Protein backbone atom coordinates (compact mmCIF):
# COMPACT_ATOMS: atom_id res chain seq x y z
CA UNK A 1 -0.02 -0.08 -0.07
CA UNK A 2 1.37 3.60 -0.86
CA UNK A 3 2.15 6.15 1.79
CA UNK A 4 -0.48 8.56 1.62
CA UNK A 5 -0.42 12.14 2.50
CA UNK A 6 -1.79 15.66 1.88
CA UNK A 7 -0.46 18.91 0.75
CA UNK A 8 -2.04 22.36 0.31
CA UNK A 9 0.52 23.51 -2.16
CA UNK A 10 -0.75 24.35 -5.90
CA UNK A 11 -0.83 21.40 -8.16
CA UNK A 12 1.94 22.97 -10.29
CA UNK A 13 4.15 23.40 -7.32
CA UNK A 14 3.88 19.87 -5.80
CA UNK A 15 7.27 17.84 -6.13
CA UNK A 16 6.54 14.42 -7.49
CA UNK A 17 7.56 12.06 -10.18
CA UNK A 18 3.92 12.24 -11.55
CA UNK A 19 1.06 14.69 -11.00
CA UNK A 20 -2.42 13.09 -11.96
CA UNK A 21 -5.32 15.40 -13.32
CA UNK A 22 -8.80 14.74 -14.70
CA UNK A 23 -9.20 15.12 -18.45
CA UNK A 24 -12.82 16.53 -19.37
CA UNK A 25 -14.67 16.41 -22.64
CA UNK A 26 -14.83 19.55 -24.66
CA UNK A 27 -18.21 20.68 -25.68
CA UNK A 28 -19.36 20.72 -29.12
CA UNK A 29 -16.24 18.82 -30.46
CA UNK A 30 -13.84 21.28 -28.51
CA UNK A 31 -10.62 19.84 -27.36
CA UNK A 32 -10.59 17.94 -23.94
CA UNK A 33 -9.42 20.29 -21.03
CA UNK A 34 -8.10 20.16 -17.48
CA UNK A 35 -10.47 21.86 -15.22
CA UNK A 36 -8.77 24.86 -13.33
CA UNK A 37 -5.58 24.61 -15.66
CA UNK A 38 -5.80 26.70 -18.63
CA UNK A 39 -2.17 26.52 -19.23
CA UNK A 40 -2.22 22.80 -19.42
CA UNK A 41 -5.37 22.66 -21.43
CA UNK A 42 -3.75 25.06 -24.05
CA UNK A 43 -0.84 22.86 -24.30
CA UNK A 44 -2.82 19.42 -24.79
CA UNK A 45 -5.29 21.04 -27.31
CA UNK A 46 -3.16 19.82 -30.14
CA UNK A 47 -2.90 16.49 -28.95
CA UNK A 48 -6.58 15.61 -29.34
CA UNK A 49 -6.54 13.66 -26.17
CA UNK A 50 -9.54 11.56 -25.56
CA UNK A 51 -11.26 12.26 -22.21
CA UNK A 52 -13.04 8.74 -22.36
CA UNK A 53 -13.73 7.11 -18.83
CA UNK A 54 -10.43 5.87 -17.80
CA UNK A 55 -8.46 6.95 -20.83
CA UNK A 56 -4.71 7.69 -19.73
CA UNK A 57 -2.26 10.23 -21.41
CA UNK A 58 1.21 10.60 -19.98
CA UNK A 59 3.54 13.44 -21.01
CA UNK A 60 6.42 15.61 -19.80
CA UNK A 61 5.50 18.33 -17.59
CA UNK A 62 7.77 20.61 -19.76
CA UNK A 63 7.64 23.61 -17.15
CA UNK A 64 3.81 23.28 -16.48
CA UNK A 65 4.47 21.71 -13.33
CA UNK A 66 7.43 20.88 -10.91
CA UNK A 67 6.51 17.08 -11.20
CA UNK A 68 8.49 15.44 -13.64
CA UNK A 69 5.62 14.09 -15.81
CA UNK A 70 1.70 14.74 -16.38
CA UNK A 71 -0.81 12.03 -16.22
CA UNK A 72 -4.10 12.98 -17.56
CA UNK A 73 -6.96 10.65 -16.85
CA UNK A 74 -10.23 10.90 -18.77
CA UNK A 75 -13.46 11.18 -16.70
CA UNK A 76 -16.05 10.94 -19.29
CA UNK A 77 -17.94 14.01 -18.84
CA UNK A 78 -17.87 17.71 -19.97
CA UNK A 79 -18.39 18.60 -16.61
CA UNK A 80 -16.35 17.69 -13.67
CA UNK A 81 -19.31 18.43 -11.41
CA UNK A 82 -21.33 15.72 -13.15
CA UNK A 83 -18.77 12.85 -12.64
CA UNK A 84 -20.01 10.49 -9.92
CA UNK A 85 -17.68 9.59 -6.87
CA UNK A 86 -17.42 6.03 -8.11
CA UNK A 87 -16.43 6.94 -11.60
CA UNK A 88 -13.65 9.08 -10.07
CA UNK A 89 -12.39 6.13 -7.83
CA UNK A 90 -12.46 3.97 -11.06
CA UNK A 91 -10.69 6.75 -12.98
CA UNK A 92 -8.13 7.66 -10.38
CA UNK A 93 -7.55 4.08 -9.62
CA UNK A 94 -6.91 3.30 -13.42
CA UNK A 95 -4.26 5.90 -13.22
CA UNK A 96 -2.36 4.71 -10.11
CA UNK A 97 -2.63 1.10 -11.27
CA UNK A 98 -0.59 2.41 -14.35
CA UNK A 99 2.32 3.70 -12.09
CA UNK A 100 3.66 0.48 -10.78
CA UNK A 101 7.35 1.09 -9.89
CA UNK A 102 6.87 4.88 -9.60
CA UNK A 103 8.03 6.15 -6.23
CA UNK A 104 5.81 8.98 -5.76
CA UNK A 105 2.55 10.41 -7.35
CA UNK A 106 0.29 13.43 -6.57
CA UNK A 107 -3.20 13.80 -7.74
CA UNK A 108 -5.53 16.97 -7.88
CA UNK A 109 -8.87 17.70 -8.72
CA UNK A 110 -8.51 21.74 -9.03
CA UNK A 111 -12.22 22.45 -9.22
CA UNK A 112 -13.73 19.27 -7.47
CA UNK A 113 -15.83 19.13 -4.42
CA UNK A 114 -14.60 17.67 -1.04
CA UNK A 115 -16.39 14.38 -1.52
CA UNK A 116 -14.89 14.32 -5.05
CA UNK A 117 -11.34 14.72 -3.86
CA UNK A 118 -11.74 12.04 -1.22
CA UNK A 119 -13.27 9.62 -3.79
CA UNK A 120 -10.36 10.35 -6.13
CA UNK A 121 -8.02 9.69 -3.30
CA UNK A 122 -9.63 6.53 -2.43
CA UNK A 123 -9.60 5.28 -5.94
CA UNK A 124 -5.99 6.12 -6.24
CA UNK A 125 -5.19 4.28 -2.94
CA UNK A 126 -7.15 1.29 -4.02
CA UNK A 127 -5.40 1.25 -7.27
CA UNK A 128 -1.73 1.46 -6.15
CA UNK A 129 -1.55 -2.33 -5.45
CA UNK A 130 0.81 -5.07 -6.71
CA UNK A 131 1.29 -8.71 -5.57
CA UNK A 132 4.58 -9.54 -6.00
CA UNK A 133 5.43 -11.76 -3.08
CA UNK A 134 6.25 -14.75 -5.29
CA UNK A 135 7.98 -12.89 -8.16
CA UNK A 136 11.70 -13.47 -8.23
CA UNK A 137 14.54 -11.19 -9.64
CA UNK A 138 16.32 -14.43 -11.42
CA UNK A 139 17.64 -12.99 -14.73
CA UNK A 140 18.00 -9.30 -13.31
CA UNK A 141 14.64 -8.27 -13.89
CA UNK A 142 13.05 -7.29 -10.73
CA UNK A 143 9.21 -7.12 -10.51
CA UNK A 144 7.94 -3.62 -10.24
CA UNK A 145 6.10 -3.14 -6.95
CA UNK A 146 3.05 -0.90 -6.62
CA UNK A 147 3.15 2.77 -6.50
CA UNK A 148 5.35 4.01 -3.32
CA UNK A 149 3.64 7.08 -2.16
CA UNK A 150 0.52 9.19 -2.97
CA UNK A 151 -0.34 12.78 -2.24
CA UNK A 152 -3.63 14.46 -2.39
CA UNK A 153 -3.39 18.29 -3.35
CA UNK A 154 -6.12 20.01 -1.47
CA UNK A 155 -6.69 22.51 0.88
CA UNK A 156 -10.32 21.70 1.41
CA UNK A 157 -12.04 21.03 4.90
CA UNK A 158 -12.46 17.32 6.25
CA UNK A 159 -9.18 16.49 4.28
CA UNK A 160 -7.75 14.66 7.53
CA UNK A 161 -11.04 12.62 7.69
CA UNK A 162 -10.66 11.78 3.72
CA UNK A 163 -7.07 10.80 4.23
CA UNK A 164 -7.76 8.44 7.40
CA UNK A 165 -10.58 6.99 5.45
CA UNK A 166 -8.56 6.28 2.26
CA UNK A 167 -5.90 4.70 4.27
CA UNK A 168 -8.09 2.38 6.16
CA UNK A 169 -10.05 1.41 2.77
CA UNK A 170 -6.69 0.86 0.93
CA UNK A 171 -5.38 -1.27 3.70
CA UNK A 172 -8.26 -3.64 4.26
CA UNK A 173 -8.59 -4.03 0.43
CA UNK A 174 -4.92 -5.06 0.40
CA UNK A 175 -5.33 -7.45 3.11
CA UNK A 176 -8.08 -9.03 1.40
CA UNK A 177 -6.37 -8.93 -2.05
CA UNK A 178 -3.29 -10.63 -0.51
CA UNK A 179 -4.89 -13.44 1.15
CA UNK A 180 -6.94 -14.17 -2.09
CA UNK A 181 -3.96 -13.88 -4.25
CA UNK A 182 -1.78 -16.23 -2.10
CA UNK A 183 -1.32 -19.58 -3.45
CA UNK A 184 -3.53 -22.45 -2.06
CA UNK A 185 -0.40 -24.59 -1.50
CA UNK A 186 0.77 -21.80 0.86
CA UNK A 187 -2.92 -20.86 2.32
CA UNK A 188 -4.65 -23.55 3.70
CA UNK A 189 -6.88 -23.61 6.87
CA UNK A 190 -4.37 -23.70 9.43
CA UNK A 191 -2.34 -21.27 7.77
CA UNK A 192 -5.20 -18.83 7.19
CA UNK A 193 -6.19 -18.88 10.90
CA UNK A 194 -2.59 -18.24 11.74
CA UNK A 195 -2.35 -15.39 9.63
CA UNK A 196 -5.83 -14.07 11.09
CA UNK A 197 -4.31 -14.22 14.42
CA UNK A 198 -1.15 -12.50 13.14
CA UNK A 199 -3.22 -9.66 11.46
CA UNK A 200 -5.15 -8.65 14.45
CA UNK A 201 -2.22 -9.11 17.13
CA UNK A 202 -2.05 -5.47 17.70
CA UNK A 203 -5.79 -4.66 17.75
CA UNK A 204 -8.41 -4.74 20.37
CA UNK A 205 -9.72 -8.13 19.14
CA UNK A 206 -9.96 -11.83 20.74
CA UNK A 207 -9.35 -14.76 18.53
CA UNK A 208 -10.41 -18.38 19.19
CA UNK A 209 -9.53 -21.20 16.61
CA UNK A 210 -11.47 -24.66 16.63
CA UNK A 211 -9.40 -27.46 15.13
CA UNK A 212 -10.84 -30.63 13.29
CA UNK A 213 -11.15 -32.47 16.59
CA UNK A 214 -13.03 -29.84 18.31
CA UNK A 215 -15.27 -29.26 15.23
CA UNK A 216 -16.15 -33.11 15.16
CA UNK A 217 -16.77 -32.90 18.85
CA UNK A 218 -18.85 -29.59 18.52
CA UNK A 219 -21.28 -31.16 15.91
CA UNK A 220 -19.94 -28.94 12.98
CA UNK A 221 -20.89 -31.61 10.24
CA UNK A 222 -20.81 -29.31 7.39
CA UNK A 223 -17.30 -28.06 7.83
CA UNK A 224 -16.07 -31.46 8.95
CA UNK A 225 -17.79 -33.22 5.80
CA UNK A 226 -16.07 -30.63 3.49
CA UNK A 227 -12.81 -30.87 4.97
CA UNK A 228 -12.37 -34.65 5.24
CA UNK A 229 -11.10 -35.37 1.86
CA UNK A 230 -8.02 -33.18 2.57
CA UNK A 231 -4.79 -33.96 4.36
CA UNK A 232 -5.24 -30.26 5.56
CA UNK A 233 -7.91 -30.24 7.96
CA UNK A 234 -10.67 -27.55 8.51
CA UNK A 235 -10.69 -24.68 11.19
CA UNK A 236 -13.25 -22.41 12.40
CA UNK A 237 -11.89 -19.07 13.50
CA UNK A 238 -13.81 -16.77 15.62
CA UNK A 239 -12.73 -12.99 16.29
CA UNK A 240 -14.68 -10.53 18.72
CA UNK A 241 -14.25 -6.91 18.63
CA UNK A 242 -16.36 -5.38 21.60
CA UNK A 243 -15.79 -1.69 22.35
CA UNK A 244 -16.96 -0.21 25.30
CA UNK A 245 -20.47 1.14 25.26
CA UNK A 246 -21.38 -0.53 21.99
CA UNK A 247 -25.24 -0.88 21.78
CA UNK A 248 -25.52 -2.78 18.59
CA UNK A 249 -24.00 -5.97 17.45
CA UNK A 250 -23.21 -7.48 14.00
CA UNK A 251 -22.04 -11.04 13.31
CA UNK A 252 -20.19 -11.51 10.16
CA UNK A 253 -19.47 -14.89 8.41
CA UNK A 254 -16.91 -15.76 5.53
CA UNK A 255 -16.85 -18.63 3.36
CA UNK A 256 -12.93 -19.81 3.57
CA UNK A 257 -12.48 -22.87 0.98
CA UNK A 258 -8.97 -22.42 0.58
CA UNK A 259 -9.15 -24.32 -2.59
CA UNK A 260 -11.94 -25.94 -4.13
CA UNK A 261 -11.64 -29.05 -6.50
CA UNK A 262 -15.41 -29.74 -6.31
CA UNK A 263 -14.49 -32.83 -4.24
CA UNK A 264 -15.72 -36.14 -5.54
CA UNK A 265 -18.08 -34.01 -7.80
CA UNK A 266 -14.91 -32.86 -9.42
CA UNK A 267 -14.99 -29.54 -11.27
CA UNK A 268 -13.60 -29.43 -15.21
CA UNK A 269 -9.82 -28.68 -15.18
CA UNK A 270 -10.29 -25.36 -17.13
CA UNK A 271 -10.35 -22.55 -14.78
CA UNK A 272 -10.07 -24.78 -11.61
CA UNK A 273 -6.96 -22.69 -10.77
CA UNK A 274 -9.48 -19.66 -9.95
CA UNK A 275 -10.72 -21.62 -7.17
CA UNK A 276 -7.71 -20.40 -4.86
CA UNK A 277 -10.19 -17.44 -4.78
CA UNK A 278 -13.00 -19.62 -3.09
CA UNK A 279 -11.89 -18.05 0.48
CA UNK A 280 -12.81 -14.62 -0.75
CA UNK A 281 -15.44 -14.34 1.70
CA UNK A 282 -13.47 -15.15 4.66
CA UNK A 283 -10.79 -12.64 3.73
CA UNK A 284 -13.38 -9.99 3.30
CA UNK A 285 -15.15 -10.24 6.47
CA UNK A 286 -11.62 -10.65 8.39
CA UNK A 287 -10.42 -7.45 6.69
CA UNK A 288 -13.82 -5.69 7.44
CA UNK A 289 -13.38 -6.62 11.04
CA UNK A 290 -9.76 -5.20 11.02
CA UNK A 291 -11.06 -2.02 9.41
CA UNK A 292 -13.88 -1.55 12.23
CA UNK A 293 -11.35 -1.88 15.08
CA UNK A 294 -8.95 0.44 13.22
CA UNK A 295 -11.64 3.27 13.00
CA UNK A 296 -12.88 2.41 16.46
CA UNK A 297 -16.54 1.89 15.39
CA UNK A 298 -18.79 1.62 18.34
CA UNK A 299 -20.48 -1.70 17.34
CA UNK A 300 -19.69 -5.23 18.56
CA UNK A 301 -18.51 -7.48 15.66
CA UNK A 302 -18.27 -11.27 15.96
CA UNK A 303 -16.71 -12.77 13.03
CA UNK A 304 -16.58 -16.37 11.84
CA UNK A 305 -13.97 -17.78 9.18
CA UNK A 306 -15.30 -21.13 8.08
CA UNK A 307 -12.19 -22.72 6.62
CA UNK A 308 -11.78 -26.02 4.80
CA UNK A 309 -10.04 -27.40 1.61
CA UNK A 310 -12.40 -29.35 -0.72
CA UNK A 311 -10.39 -32.09 -1.88
CA UNK A 312 -11.32 -35.66 -3.61
CA UNK A 313 -9.07 -37.60 -1.14
CA UNK A 314 -9.73 -41.09 0.04
CA UNK A 315 -11.78 -40.00 3.02
CA UNK A 316 -13.81 -37.38 1.13
CA UNK A 317 -17.58 -37.25 1.36
CA UNK A 318 -19.40 -39.03 -1.38
CA UNK A 319 -22.69 -37.70 -3.11
CA UNK A 320 -25.53 -39.35 -1.21
CA UNK A 321 -23.82 -38.98 2.41
CA UNK A 322 -25.92 -37.50 5.09
CA UNK A 323 -24.20 -35.20 7.79
CA UNK A 324 -25.61 -33.73 11.00
CA UNK A 325 -25.04 -29.76 10.96
CA UNK A 326 -24.34 -27.70 14.10
CA UNK A 327 -27.98 -27.04 14.85
CA UNK A 328 -28.98 -30.89 14.53
CA UNK A 329 -30.40 -30.58 11.22
CA UNK A 330 -29.47 -33.33 8.60
CA UNK A 331 -28.55 -32.76 5.21
CA UNK A 332 -28.11 -35.14 1.97
CA UNK A 333 -24.99 -34.18 0.13
CA UNK A 334 -26.05 -34.61 -3.36
CA UNK A 335 -23.34 -32.64 -4.76
CA UNK A 336 -19.90 -32.11 -3.23
CA UNK A 337 -19.33 -29.01 -5.04
CA UNK A 338 -22.23 -27.29 -3.26
CA UNK A 339 -19.86 -27.33 -0.43
CA UNK A 340 -19.82 -23.61 0.74
CA UNK A 341 -23.27 -23.65 1.90
CA UNK A 342 -22.37 -26.46 4.15
CA UNK A 343 -19.61 -24.72 5.83
CA UNK A 344 -21.46 -21.51 6.01
CA UNK A 345 -24.45 -23.08 7.59
CA UNK A 346 -22.60 -24.41 10.52
CA UNK A 347 -20.93 -21.00 11.08
CA UNK A 348 -24.24 -19.14 10.72
CA UNK A 349 -25.80 -21.39 13.55
CA UNK A 350 -23.04 -20.11 15.86
CA UNK A 351 -23.51 -16.49 14.43
CA UNK A 352 -27.09 -16.24 15.33
CA UNK A 353 -26.68 -17.83 18.85
CA UNK A 354 -25.88 -14.42 20.52
CA UNK A 355 -28.93 -12.83 19.06
CA UNK A 356 -26.90 -10.21 17.04
CA UNK A 357 -28.97 -7.03 15.58
CA UNK A 358 -27.73 -8.35 12.20
CA UNK A 359 -25.86 -11.25 10.61
CA UNK A 360 -24.19 -10.85 7.32
CA UNK A 361 -22.40 -13.62 5.34
CA UNK A 362 -19.98 -13.04 2.43
CA UNK A 363 -19.33 -15.80 -0.09
CA UNK A 364 -18.00 -16.64 -3.40
CA UNK A 365 -20.96 -19.17 -3.17
CA UNK A 366 -22.52 -19.99 -6.72
CA UNK A 367 -21.74 -20.04 -10.50
CA UNK A 368 -25.44 -19.09 -10.77
CA UNK A 369 -24.94 -15.52 -9.35
CA UNK A 370 -22.15 -15.12 -12.15
CA UNK A 371 -24.65 -16.18 -14.93
CA UNK A 372 -27.40 -14.05 -13.28
CA UNK A 373 -25.32 -10.66 -12.74
CA UNK A 374 -21.96 -10.93 -14.67
CA UNK A 375 -18.57 -10.59 -13.29
CA UNK A 376 -18.58 -7.19 -11.69
CA UNK A 377 -22.15 -7.12 -9.80
CA UNK A 378 -22.65 -9.08 -6.57
CA UNK A 379 -26.01 -10.27 -5.43
CA UNK A 380 -27.35 -9.69 -1.87
CA UNK A 381 -30.20 -11.60 -0.64
CA UNK A 382 -31.82 -12.09 3.02
CA UNK A 383 -34.39 -10.17 5.14
CA UNK A 384 -35.73 -6.95 3.74
CA UNK A 385 -33.76 -4.92 6.49
CA UNK A 386 -30.54 -6.95 5.93
CA UNK A 387 -30.70 -6.33 2.04
CA UNK A 388 -31.52 -2.49 2.38
CA UNK A 389 -28.67 -1.98 4.63
CA UNK A 390 -26.52 -3.66 2.20
CA UNK A 391 -27.65 -1.50 -0.72
CA UNK A 392 -27.49 1.77 1.32
CA UNK A 393 -23.88 1.11 2.01
CA UNK A 394 -23.12 0.15 -1.49
CA UNK A 395 -24.42 3.34 -2.37
CA UNK A 396 -21.79 5.22 -0.38
CA UNK A 397 -19.09 2.65 -1.46
CA UNK A 398 -20.08 2.72 -5.00
CA UNK A 399 -19.63 -1.06 -5.30
CA UNK A 400 -22.28 -2.66 -7.49
CA UNK A 401 -24.66 -4.93 -5.67
CA UNK A 402 -28.26 -6.07 -6.71
CA UNK A 403 -30.88 -7.33 -4.48
CA UNK A 404 -32.43 -10.89 -5.25
CA UNK A 405 -35.43 -12.58 -3.81
CA UNK A 406 -36.27 -15.69 -2.16
CA UNK A 407 -39.21 -17.38 -4.25
CA UNK A 408 -41.07 -19.46 -1.91
CA UNK A 409 -41.56 -22.30 -4.59
CA UNK A 410 -37.72 -23.04 -4.62
CA UNK A 411 -37.92 -24.03 -0.98
CA UNK A 412 -39.79 -27.38 -1.90
CA UNK A 413 -36.63 -28.46 -4.07
CA UNK A 414 -34.42 -28.50 -0.78
CA UNK A 415 -36.44 -30.89 1.10
CA UNK A 416 -34.29 -34.09 1.48
CA UNK A 417 -35.54 -37.67 0.60
CA UNK A 418 -33.90 -39.51 3.66
CA UNK A 419 -32.88 -36.42 5.63
CA UNK A 420 -34.28 -32.83 6.39
CA UNK A 421 -32.63 -31.03 3.63
CA UNK A 422 -30.56 -31.61 0.51
CA UNK A 423 -27.76 -29.49 -0.40
CA UNK A 424 -28.78 -28.61 -3.93
CA UNK A 425 -32.04 -27.50 -5.68
CA UNK A 426 -33.04 -27.49 -9.11
CA UNK A 427 -30.69 -25.84 -11.63
CA UNK A 428 -32.89 -22.77 -12.25
CA UNK A 429 -32.29 -19.97 -9.77
CA UNK A 430 -29.34 -21.71 -8.31
CA UNK A 431 -28.07 -18.65 -6.54
CA UNK A 432 -31.64 -18.17 -4.71
CA UNK A 433 -31.89 -21.58 -3.63
CA UNK A 434 -28.35 -21.77 -2.24
CA UNK A 435 -29.49 -18.65 -0.23
CA UNK A 436 -32.62 -20.36 0.75
CA UNK A 437 -30.74 -23.23 2.05
CA UNK A 438 -28.59 -20.85 4.31
CA UNK A 439 -31.93 -19.26 5.61
CA UNK A 440 -32.82 -22.57 7.35
CA UNK A 441 -29.61 -21.85 9.75
CA UNK A 442 -30.55 -18.22 10.38
CA UNK A 443 -33.74 -18.33 12.07
CA UNK A 444 -35.43 -14.78 12.57
CA UNK A 445 -32.31 -12.92 12.90
CA UNK A 446 -32.15 -10.04 10.33
CA UNK A 447 -29.71 -11.27 7.87
CA UNK A 448 -27.82 -10.31 4.58
CA UNK A 449 -26.29 -12.85 2.21
CA UNK A 450 -23.75 -11.42 -0.18
CA UNK A 451 -22.87 -13.76 -2.98
CA UNK A 452 -19.72 -12.41 -4.44
CA UNK A 453 -18.75 -15.22 -6.88
CA UNK A 454 -18.50 -12.96 -10.04
CA UNK A 455 -16.79 -9.75 -8.81
CA UNK A 456 -14.25 -11.31 -6.12
CA UNK A 457 -11.90 -12.28 -8.66
CA UNK A 458 -11.03 -10.72 -12.03
CA UNK A 459 -9.55 -12.01 -15.44
CA UNK A 460 -9.06 -8.61 -16.68
CA UNK A 461 -8.48 -4.95 -14.98
CA UNK A 462 -11.09 -2.42 -14.26
CA UNK A 463 -10.38 0.83 -12.51
CA UNK A 464 -8.90 0.27 -9.51
CA UNK A 465 -8.99 -3.56 -9.77
CA UNK A 466 -6.19 -5.54 -11.35
CA UNK A 467 -6.23 -9.10 -12.49
CA UNK A 468 -6.88 -11.41 -9.80
CA UNK A 469 -8.22 -10.57 -6.31
CA UNK A 470 -10.30 -7.27 -6.34
CA UNK A 471 -11.27 -6.86 -2.63
CA UNK A 472 -14.77 -6.36 -4.06
CA UNK A 473 -17.30 -5.88 -1.08
CA UNK A 474 -15.02 -5.25 1.68
CA UNK A 475 -15.62 -1.57 1.76
CA UNK A 476 -19.34 -2.12 1.74
CA UNK A 477 -19.10 -4.56 4.66
CA UNK A 478 -17.19 -1.92 6.55
CA UNK A 479 -19.66 0.67 5.60
CA UNK A 480 -22.59 -1.47 6.95
CA UNK A 481 -20.79 -1.75 10.29
CA UNK A 482 -20.38 2.03 10.36
CA UNK A 483 -24.06 2.67 9.56
CA UNK A 484 -25.06 0.16 12.28
CA UNK A 485 -22.87 1.75 14.63
CA UNK A 486 -24.15 5.34 14.39
CA UNK A 487 -27.86 3.96 14.13
CA UNK A 488 -28.33 5.77 10.98
CA UNK A 489 -29.74 2.90 8.99
CA UNK A 490 -30.14 0.13 11.84
């Protein structure tokens, strides 16, 4: 993550390797311009530079600024005031993402509002990410790391608050991305648990971990069943953040399948390597909990990481097996590749046991969600209050969510033949039936279920998100916690 700072200097006087500025479209086929910078606008008029959203143009400063070079980023409008905060995040994130290996960049919106400047800083901080932990310099070609330092040029009010927020958001996004990008041979359930303990060691959080023996003794049949085909056994991690005076409580549950082969119901080989990302939900709720503690939010947060590796080893569960879940319900495992809902269900039973005001789970749960919503939009299901909280928070963060229903007719398909439930329904509405399955373990608690299967892991870059782990949804989860803490939307 870059070092983030503020300066009240004029943009042209900031010492940096690169000065990032917005480029808006000219009206009536006029050249694109940089708002508030007529000198730069005059110089670039001859370049016929496109101001299409995210379009980048890097050129020598040539006396126009102290910075060595200028990086102009298109914002897709003729008027900066009409550019949304999320579009600014995406545009400035694309700019910093292009600056791998650069030591220091400054960004400025000479005529932007305080909210727009804050959004641009967030996007710039989120875009300045690179995962190089496993790159070598063999052959003399060292990998380029992320942008080293980022300065927001502003003398506006609330600048310090914007700086703190951008720093925390970039940090929790990096935690999420780093965990998801870590190869599965290096991040297995026990190691994930160890890293969680390490990450929160200096924060006011308590951590407890259940190993495979404790899980079996505790009746966590879903987690044990999914993990029993692997030589690396499952874990359930519980984290608690309980600030003094907190009147509201939220429980978070994250799916942590550290690698998903599908088990006996083996996945096709093509694309299976992406299943290193099947623990993105657990990474997300862990990072959001860290963010709540760092910001000192006045809400109690209890977080569960349901960790297992789904492998087809000799001890793996079979299609047709029946397992007894944490709450005593029995489930026919008709498809071992519907494993996420099994580990999540056990953790949800524990999550609702303390009667929190809200339970929120995050999971790369179904391919059906990707079919329905594509690769950039996440689905949110649950109770009306739970869905509304997530949608309101997403409106603040700019992360794309879409509310999905729980049609009552789909419940019948989950009734088991020899057990209480079956772990899959009919193929149509697969994302919805997975959510309905989870609802059986939530009871009457207010609840939101976030299916992030599409946007959690990307095959191509977009805005402040590069290839691989995106960190999508961690900012929205943190915003929900903030909203519950203030009581604005609780």
